[in-house]
N, C-alpha and C. Protein backbone atom coordinates (compact mmCIF):
# COMPACT_ATOMS: atom_id res chain seq x y z
N UNK A 1 0.85 -1.18 0.00
CA UNK A 1 0.00 0.00 0.00
C UNK A 1 0.88 1.23 0.00
N UNK A 2 0.65 2.13 -0.93
CA UNK A 2 1.42 3.36 -1.02
C UNK A 2 0.75 4.50 -0.28
N UNK A 3 1.49 5.55 -0.10
CA UNK A 3 0.95 6.75 0.54
C UNK A 3 0.22 7.59 -0.50
N UNK A 4 -0.79 8.30 -0.07
CA UNK A 4 -1.51 9.23 -0.95
C UNK A 4 -0.91 10.62 -0.80
N UNK A 5 -0.46 11.16 -1.91
CA UNK A 5 0.13 12.49 -1.91
C UNK A 5 -0.74 13.45 -2.70
N UNK A 6 -0.73 14.71 -2.30
CA UNK A 6 -1.45 15.77 -3.01
C UNK A 6 -0.42 16.74 -3.59
N UNK A 7 -0.55 17.02 -4.87
CA UNK A 7 0.33 17.98 -5.53
C UNK A 7 0.03 19.37 -5.00
N UNK A 8 1.06 20.08 -4.54
CA UNK A 8 0.85 21.44 -4.04
C UNK A 8 1.50 22.48 -4.93
N UNK A 9 2.10 22.07 -6.04
CA UNK A 9 2.60 23.03 -7.02
C UNK A 9 4.10 23.06 -7.16
N UNK A 10 4.56 24.13 -7.83
CA UNK A 10 5.98 24.27 -8.14
C UNK A 10 6.63 25.38 -7.36
N UNK A 11 7.94 25.27 -7.22
CA UNK A 11 8.76 26.26 -6.54
C UNK A 11 9.99 26.54 -7.40
N UNK A 12 10.58 27.71 -7.24
CA UNK A 12 11.74 28.06 -8.07
C UNK A 12 12.98 27.23 -7.76
N UNK A 13 13.07 26.68 -6.53
CA UNK A 13 14.24 25.87 -6.18
C UNK A 13 13.94 25.03 -4.93
N UNK A 14 14.85 24.12 -4.62
CA UNK A 14 14.71 23.21 -3.48
C UNK A 14 14.60 23.96 -2.16
N UNK A 15 15.40 25.01 -1.98
CA UNK A 15 15.39 25.77 -0.73
C UNK A 15 14.02 26.41 -0.49
N UNK A 16 13.41 26.95 -1.53
CA UNK A 16 12.08 27.55 -1.40
C UNK A 16 11.06 26.51 -0.97
N UNK A 17 11.13 25.32 -1.54
CA UNK A 17 10.21 24.24 -1.17
C UNK A 17 10.43 23.83 0.28
N UNK A 18 11.68 23.69 0.69
CA UNK A 18 11.99 23.33 2.08
C UNK A 18 11.52 24.41 3.04
N UNK A 19 11.74 25.67 2.70
CA UNK A 19 11.31 26.79 3.54
C UNK A 19 9.78 26.80 3.67
N UNK A 20 9.07 26.54 2.57
CA UNK A 20 7.60 26.50 2.60
C UNK A 20 7.12 25.41 3.55
N UNK A 21 7.71 24.22 3.44
CA UNK A 21 7.31 23.11 4.30
C UNK A 21 7.57 23.44 5.77
N UNK A 22 8.72 24.02 6.05
CA UNK A 22 9.06 24.38 7.42
C UNK A 22 8.10 25.45 7.96
N UNK A 23 7.79 26.47 7.16
CA UNK A 23 6.89 27.54 7.58
C UNK A 23 5.48 27.02 7.85
N UNK A 24 5.09 25.95 7.16
CA UNK A 24 3.77 25.36 7.34
C UNK A 24 3.78 24.16 8.27
N UNK A 25 4.90 23.97 8.98
CA UNK A 25 5.04 22.90 9.99
C UNK A 25 4.74 21.52 9.42
N UNK A 26 5.25 21.26 8.21
CA UNK A 26 5.09 19.95 7.59
C UNK A 26 6.40 19.20 7.73
N UNK A 27 6.31 18.01 8.29
CA UNK A 27 7.50 17.17 8.50
C UNK A 27 8.17 16.89 7.15
N UNK A 28 9.48 17.05 7.06
CA UNK A 28 10.18 16.78 5.79
C UNK A 28 9.93 15.37 5.25
N UNK A 29 9.64 14.42 6.12
CA UNK A 29 9.35 13.05 5.67
C UNK A 29 8.02 12.95 4.93
N UNK A 30 7.16 13.97 5.08
CA UNK A 30 5.86 13.97 4.42
C UNK A 30 5.87 14.75 3.11
N UNK A 31 7.03 15.23 2.69
CA UNK A 31 7.15 16.05 1.49
C UNK A 31 7.93 15.29 0.42
N UNK A 32 7.39 15.26 -0.79
CA UNK A 32 8.08 14.66 -1.94
C UNK A 32 8.43 15.79 -2.91
N UNK A 33 9.73 16.02 -3.11
CA UNK A 33 10.21 17.10 -3.97
C UNK A 33 10.88 16.48 -5.18
N UNK A 34 10.41 16.87 -6.38
CA UNK A 34 10.95 16.34 -7.64
C UNK A 34 11.45 17.48 -8.51
N UNK A 35 12.55 17.25 -9.18
CA UNK A 35 13.10 18.25 -10.08
C UNK A 35 12.26 18.35 -11.35
N UNK A 36 12.02 19.60 -11.79
CA UNK A 36 11.32 19.84 -13.06
C UNK A 36 12.31 20.18 -14.17
N UNK A 37 13.56 20.03 -13.90
CA UNK A 37 14.60 20.44 -14.83
C UNK A 37 15.15 21.78 -14.38
N UNK A 38 16.43 21.94 -14.45
CA UNK A 38 17.04 23.16 -13.93
C UNK A 38 16.89 23.18 -12.42
N UNK A 39 16.61 24.35 -11.88
CA UNK A 39 16.44 24.47 -10.43
C UNK A 39 14.99 24.27 -9.97
N UNK A 40 14.00 24.44 -10.87
CA UNK A 40 12.59 24.33 -10.48
C UNK A 40 12.26 22.95 -9.95
N UNK A 41 11.36 22.91 -8.97
CA UNK A 41 10.93 21.65 -8.38
C UNK A 41 9.41 21.62 -8.25
N UNK A 42 8.85 20.41 -8.27
CA UNK A 42 7.43 20.18 -7.99
C UNK A 42 7.34 19.53 -6.62
N UNK A 43 6.30 19.89 -5.88
CA UNK A 43 6.17 19.40 -4.51
C UNK A 43 4.82 18.72 -4.32
N UNK A 44 4.86 17.57 -3.66
CA UNK A 44 3.66 16.86 -3.23
C UNK A 44 3.80 16.62 -1.73
N UNK A 45 2.66 16.63 -1.04
CA UNK A 45 2.66 16.42 0.41
C UNK A 45 1.73 15.27 0.73
N UNK A 46 2.16 14.42 1.64
CA UNK A 46 1.33 13.30 2.08
C UNK A 46 0.02 13.85 2.63
N UNK A 47 -1.09 13.33 2.13
CA UNK A 47 -2.42 13.85 2.51
C UNK A 47 -2.64 13.83 4.01
N UNK A 48 -2.14 12.81 4.69
CA UNK A 48 -2.36 12.73 6.14
C UNK A 48 -1.67 13.89 6.87
N UNK A 49 -0.70 14.55 6.22
CA UNK A 49 -0.01 15.68 6.83
C UNK A 49 -0.75 16.99 6.58
N UNK A 50 -1.72 16.98 5.69
CA UNK A 50 -2.45 18.20 5.34
C UNK A 50 -3.70 18.36 6.22
N UNK A 51 -3.47 18.68 7.47
CA UNK A 51 -4.58 18.94 8.39
C UNK A 51 -4.63 20.42 8.67
N UNK A 52 -5.70 20.87 9.24
CA UNK A 52 -5.83 22.29 9.57
C UNK A 52 -4.73 22.74 10.52
N UNK A 53 -4.31 21.89 11.44
CA UNK A 53 -3.26 22.26 12.39
C UNK A 53 -1.89 22.32 11.74
N UNK A 54 -1.60 21.39 10.85
CA UNK A 54 -0.26 21.30 10.27
C UNK A 54 -0.09 22.20 9.06
N UNK A 55 -1.18 22.64 8.47
CA UNK A 55 -1.04 23.37 7.21
C UNK A 55 -2.03 24.52 7.15
N UNK A 56 -1.89 25.45 8.06
CA UNK A 56 -2.86 26.52 8.16
C UNK A 56 -2.68 27.61 7.09
N UNK A 57 -1.59 27.60 6.36
CA UNK A 57 -1.40 28.59 5.31
C UNK A 57 -0.55 28.00 4.19
N UNK A 58 -1.19 27.30 3.28
CA UNK A 58 -0.45 26.65 2.19
C UNK A 58 0.20 27.65 1.25
N UNK A 59 -0.25 28.88 1.26
CA UNK A 59 0.30 29.87 0.33
C UNK A 59 1.56 30.55 0.84
N UNK A 60 1.93 30.33 2.06
CA UNK A 60 3.07 31.00 2.66
C UNK A 60 4.35 30.71 1.87
N UNK A 61 4.94 31.74 1.28
CA UNK A 61 6.20 31.59 0.57
C UNK A 61 6.10 31.09 -0.85
N UNK A 62 4.92 30.93 -1.39
CA UNK A 62 4.78 30.39 -2.74
C UNK A 62 4.96 31.47 -3.79
N UNK A 63 5.52 31.08 -4.91
CA UNK A 63 5.69 32.03 -6.00
C UNK A 63 4.61 31.86 -7.07
N UNK A 64 4.02 30.68 -7.10
CA UNK A 64 2.95 30.39 -8.06
C UNK A 64 2.30 29.09 -7.65
N UNK A 65 1.30 28.64 -8.37
CA UNK A 65 0.88 27.27 -8.17
C UNK A 65 -0.57 27.01 -7.87
N UNK A 66 -0.77 25.98 -7.19
CA UNK A 66 -2.03 25.28 -7.04
C UNK A 66 -3.13 26.11 -6.40
N UNK A 67 -2.85 26.86 -5.35
CA UNK A 67 -3.92 27.55 -4.61
C UNK A 67 -4.06 28.98 -5.03
């Protein structure tokens, strides 16, 4: 059985994605970061980590994307 992840969009680089996860109190183990080529990355978060308590502001630090 695999984990269910939700795509949360793209970031200009790995550091921006890491900073976003930290600012939203998401455990790094619940974040899947994939390269889109160059420095850009796509980010998915384990759905069980996306609760109101753990993710009260998904837009914090984002440059573009899903929300």
